Amino acid sequence: MTNIECEFYCTKDMRWWVCKDCFEDFKDKFGWTVKSADELLD
């Protein structure tokens, strides 16, 4: 498949990935937060 957009979140080391829906479902339980890509490069 081509030209498919997806939104995901990953750990800073990019080892673990989670889809947007799962992030929303579990962010409170696991205390997940979001940082911009620019913040991760610092």
PDB file of N, CA and C in Angstrom:
ATOM      1  N   MET A   1       0.849  -1.180   0.000  1.00  0.00           N
ATOM      2  CA  MET A   1       0.000   0.000   0.000  1.00  0.00           C
ATOM      3  C   MET A   1       0.892   1.239   0.000  1.00  0.00           C
ATOM      4  N   THR A   2       0.427   2.269  -0.650  1.00  0.00           N
ATOM      5  CA  THR A   2       1.198   3.502  -0.705  1.00  0.00           C
ATOM      6  C   THR A   2       0.311   4.678  -0.339  1.00  0.00           C
ATOM      7  N   ASN A   3       0.956   5.784  -0.049  1.00  0.00           N
ATOM      8  CA  ASN A   3       0.256   7.029   0.270  1.00  0.00           C
ATOM      9  C   ASN A   3      -0.704   6.886   1.445  1.00  0.00           C
ATOM     10  N   ILE A   4      -0.306   6.151   2.446  1.00  0.00           N
ATOM     11  CA  ILE A   4      -1.132   6.000   3.640  1.00  0.00           C
ATOM     12  C   ILE A   4      -0.492   6.799   4.762  1.00  0.00           C
ATOM     13  N   GLU A   5      -1.292   7.665   5.360  1.00  0.00           N
ATOM     14  CA  GLU A   5      -0.803   8.434   6.495  1.00  0.00           C
ATOM     15  C   GLU A   5      -1.133   7.681   7.766  1.00  0.00           C
ATOM     16  N   CYS A   6      -0.206   7.720   8.712  1.00  0.00           N
ATOM     17  CA  CYS A   6      -0.496   7.153  10.010  1.00  0.00           C
ATOM     18  C   CYS A   6       0.153   8.040  11.059  1.00  0.00           C
ATOM     19  N   GLU A   7      -0.424   8.050  12.202  1.00  0.00           N
ATOM     20  CA  GLU A   7       0.116   8.826  13.306  1.00  0.00           C
ATOM     21  C   GLU A   7       0.494   7.850  14.395  1.00  0.00           C
ATOM     22  N   PHE A   8       1.672   8.035  14.940  1.00  0.00           N
ATOM     23  CA  PHE A   8       2.140   7.133  15.968  1.00  0.00           C
ATOM     24  C   PHE A   8       3.000   7.898  16.954  1.00  0.00           C
ATOM     25  N   TYR A   9       3.292   7.265  18.045  1.00  0.00           N
ATOM     26  CA  TYR A   9       4.169   7.812  19.072  1.00  0.00           C
ATOM     27  C   TYR A   9       5.235   6.775  19.345  1.00  0.00           C
ATOM     28  N   CYS A  10       6.420   7.230  19.722  1.00  0.00           N
ATOM     29  CA  CYS A  10       7.496   6.288  20.022  1.00  0.00           C
ATOM     30  C   CYS A  10       8.325   6.803  21.187  1.00  0.00           C
ATOM     31  N   THR A  11       9.099   5.891  21.754  1.00  0.00           N
ATOM     32  CA  THR A  11      10.008   6.272  22.823  1.00  0.00           C
ATOM     33  C   THR A  11      11.160   7.068  22.216  1.00  0.00           C
ATOM     34  N   LYS A  12      11.866   7.782  23.065  1.00  0.00           N
ATOM     35  CA  LYS A  12      12.958   8.633  22.585  1.00  0.00           C
ATOM     36  C   LYS A  12      13.990   7.831  21.801  1.00  0.00           C
ATOM     37  N   ASP A  13      14.258   6.600  22.216  1.00  0.00           N
ATOM     38  CA  ASP A  13      15.227   5.773  21.499  1.00  0.00           C
ATOM     39  C   ASP A  13      14.615   5.065  20.291  1.00  0.00           C
ATOM     40  N   MET A  14      13.336   5.313  20.050  1.00  0.00           N
ATOM     41  CA  MET A  14      12.572   4.763  18.933  1.00  0.00           C
ATOM     42  C   MET A  14      12.484   3.235  18.960  1.00  0.00           C
ATOM     43  N   ARG A  15      12.661   2.665  20.141  1.00  0.00           N
ATOM     44  CA  ARG A  15      12.579   1.209  20.278  1.00  0.00           C
ATOM     45  C   ARG A  15      11.132   0.733  20.341  1.00  0.00           C
ATOM     46  N   TRP A  16      10.276   1.510  20.978  1.00  0.00           N
ATOM     47  CA  TRP A  16       8.879   1.127  21.177  1.00  0.00           C
ATOM     48  C   TRP A  16       7.964   2.124  20.482  1.00  0.00           C
ATOM     49  N   TRP A  17       6.982   1.614  19.777  1.00  0.00           N
ATOM     50  CA  TRP A  17       6.042   2.430  19.013  1.00  0.00           C
ATOM     51  C   TRP A  17       4.629   2.077  19.427  1.00  0.00           C
ATOM     52  N   VAL A  18       3.721   3.064  19.355  1.00  0.00           N
ATOM     53  CA  VAL A  18       2.319   2.825  19.672  1.00  0.00           C
ATOM     54  C   VAL A  18       1.471   3.722  18.766  1.00  0.00           C
ATOM     55  N   CYS A  19       0.332   3.198  18.332  1.00  0.00           N
ATOM     56  CA  CYS A  19      -0.540   3.985  17.461  1.00  0.00           C
ATOM     57  C   CYS A  19      -1.255   5.067  18.280  1.00  0.00           C
ATOM     58  N   LYS A  20      -1.831   6.012  17.571  1.00  0.00           N
ATOM     59  CA  LYS A  20      -2.504   7.146  18.224  1.00  0.00           C
ATOM     60  C   LYS A  20      -3.629   6.677  19.151  1.00  0.00           C
ATOM     61  N   ASP A  21      -4.441   5.728  18.680  1.00  0.00           N
ATOM     62  CA  ASP A  21      -5.560   5.250  19.502  1.00  0.00           C
ATOM     63  C   ASP A  21      -5.074   4.593  20.784  1.00  0.00           C
ATOM     64  N   CYS A  22      -4.055   3.752  20.679  1.00  0.00           N
ATOM     65  CA  CYS A  22      -3.522   3.089  21.872  1.00  0.00           C
ATOM     66  C   CYS A  22      -2.886   4.104  22.819  1.00  0.00           C
ATOM     67  N   PHE A  23      -2.199   5.103  22.258  1.00  0.00           N
ATOM     68  CA  PHE A  23      -1.627   6.144  23.106  1.00  0.00           C
ATOM     69  C   PHE A  23      -2.716   6.812  23.924  1.00  0.00           C
ATOM     70  N   GLU A  24      -3.800   7.182  23.283  1.00  0.00           N
ATOM     71  CA  GLU A  24      -4.907   7.834  23.991  1.00  0.00           C
ATOM     72  C   GLU A  24      -5.504   6.920  25.061  1.00  0.00           C
ATOM     73  N   ASP A  25      -5.595   5.624  24.764  1.00  0.00           N
ATOM     74  CA  ASP A  25      -6.163   4.671  25.715  1.00  0.00           C
ATOM     75  C   ASP A  25      -5.293   4.478  26.949  1.00  0.00           C
ATOM     76  N   PHE A  26      -3.982   4.534  26.782  1.00  0.00           N
ATOM     77  CA  PHE A  26      -3.076   4.154  27.871  1.00  0.00           C
ATOM     78  C   PHE A  26      -2.222   5.279  28.450  1.00  0.00           C
ATOM     79  N   LYS A  27      -2.308   6.486  27.919  1.00  0.00           N
ATOM     80  CA  LYS A  27      -1.409   7.560  28.374  1.00  0.00           C
ATOM     81  C   LYS A  27      -1.553   7.861  29.859  1.00  0.00           C
ATOM     82  N   ASP A  28      -2.760   7.847  30.380  1.00  0.00           N
ATOM     83  CA  ASP A  28      -2.944   8.126  31.805  1.00  0.00           C
ATOM     84  C   ASP A  28      -2.444   6.969  32.670  1.00  0.00           C
ATOM     85  N   LYS A  29      -2.727   5.764  32.253  1.00  0.00           N
ATOM     86  CA  LYS A  29      -2.320   4.584  33.019  1.00  0.00           C
ATOM     87  C   LYS A  29      -0.801   4.505  33.167  1.00  0.00           C
ATOM     88  N   PHE A  30      -0.073   4.810  32.093  1.00  0.00           N
ATOM     89  CA  PHE A  30       1.377   4.683  32.097  1.00  0.00           C
ATOM     90  C   PHE A  30       2.114   6.013  32.259  1.00  0.00           C
ATOM     91  N   GLY A  31       1.381   7.120  32.336  1.00  0.00           N
ATOM     92  CA  GLY A  31       2.012   8.425  32.523  1.00  0.00           C
ATOM     93  C   GLY A  31       2.788   8.903  31.309  1.00  0.00           C
ATOM     94  N   TRP A  32       2.336   8.484  30.128  1.00  0.00           N
ATOM     95  CA  TRP A  32       3.017   8.888  28.898  1.00  0.00           C
ATOM     96  C   TRP A  32       2.796  10.369  28.629  1.00  0.00           C
ATOM     97  N   THR A  33       3.816  11.033  28.096  1.00  0.00           N
ATOM     98  CA  THR A  33       3.721  12.435  27.694  1.00  0.00           C
ATOM     99  C   THR A  33       4.255  12.564  26.272  1.00  0.00           C
ATOM    100  N   VAL A  34       3.966  13.692  25.648  1.00  0.00           N
ATOM    101  CA  VAL A  34       4.367  13.935  24.263  1.00  0.00           C
ATOM    102  C   VAL A  34       5.378  15.065  24.222  1.00  0.00           C
ATOM    103  N   LYS A  35       6.430  14.863  23.444  1.00  0.00           N
ATOM    104  CA  LYS A  35       7.417  15.902  23.167  1.00  0.00           C
ATOM    105  C   LYS A  35       7.505  16.035  21.662  1.00  0.00           C
ATOM    106  N   SER A  36       7.826  17.238  21.209  1.00  0.00           N
ATOM    107  CA  SER A  36       8.004  17.450  19.774  1.00  0.00           C
ATOM    108  C   SER A  36       9.317  16.817  19.328  1.00  0.00           C
ATOM    109  N   ALA A  37       9.447  16.570  18.048  1.00  0.00           N
ATOM    110  CA  ALA A  37      10.679  16.011  17.508  1.00  0.00           C
ATOM    111  C   ALA A  37      11.855  16.936  17.798  1.00  0.00           C
ATOM    112  N   ASP A  38      11.628  18.241  17.757  1.00  0.00           N
ATOM    113  CA  ASP A  38      12.700  19.205  18.042  1.00  0.00           C
ATOM    114  C   ASP A  38      13.217  19.044  19.472  1.00  0.00           C
ATOM    115  N   GLU A  39      12.326  18.803  20.420  1.00  0.00           N
ATOM    116  CA  GLU A  39      12.751  18.616  21.811  1.00  0.00           C
ATOM    117  C   GLU A  39      13.598  17.365  21.968  1.00  0.00           C
ATOM    118  N   LEU A  40      13.319  16.356  21.191  1.00  0.00           N
ATOM    119  CA  LEU A  40      14.069  15.104  21.284  1.00  0.00           C
ATOM    120  C   LEU A  40      15.478  15.226  20.727  1.00  0.00           C
ATOM    121  N   LEU A  41      15.698  16.191  19.842  1.00  0.00           N
ATOM    122  CA  LEU A  41      17.012  16.368  19.245  1.00  0.00           C
ATOM    123  C   LEU A  41      17.974  17.134  20.133  1.00  0.00           C
ATOM    124  N   ASP A  42      17.458  17.792  21.164  1.00  0.00           N
ATOM    125  CA  ASP A  42      18.330  18.570  22.085  1.00  0.00           C
ATOM    126  C   ASP A  42      19.143  17.670  22.968  1.00  0.00           C
TER     127      ASP A  42
END
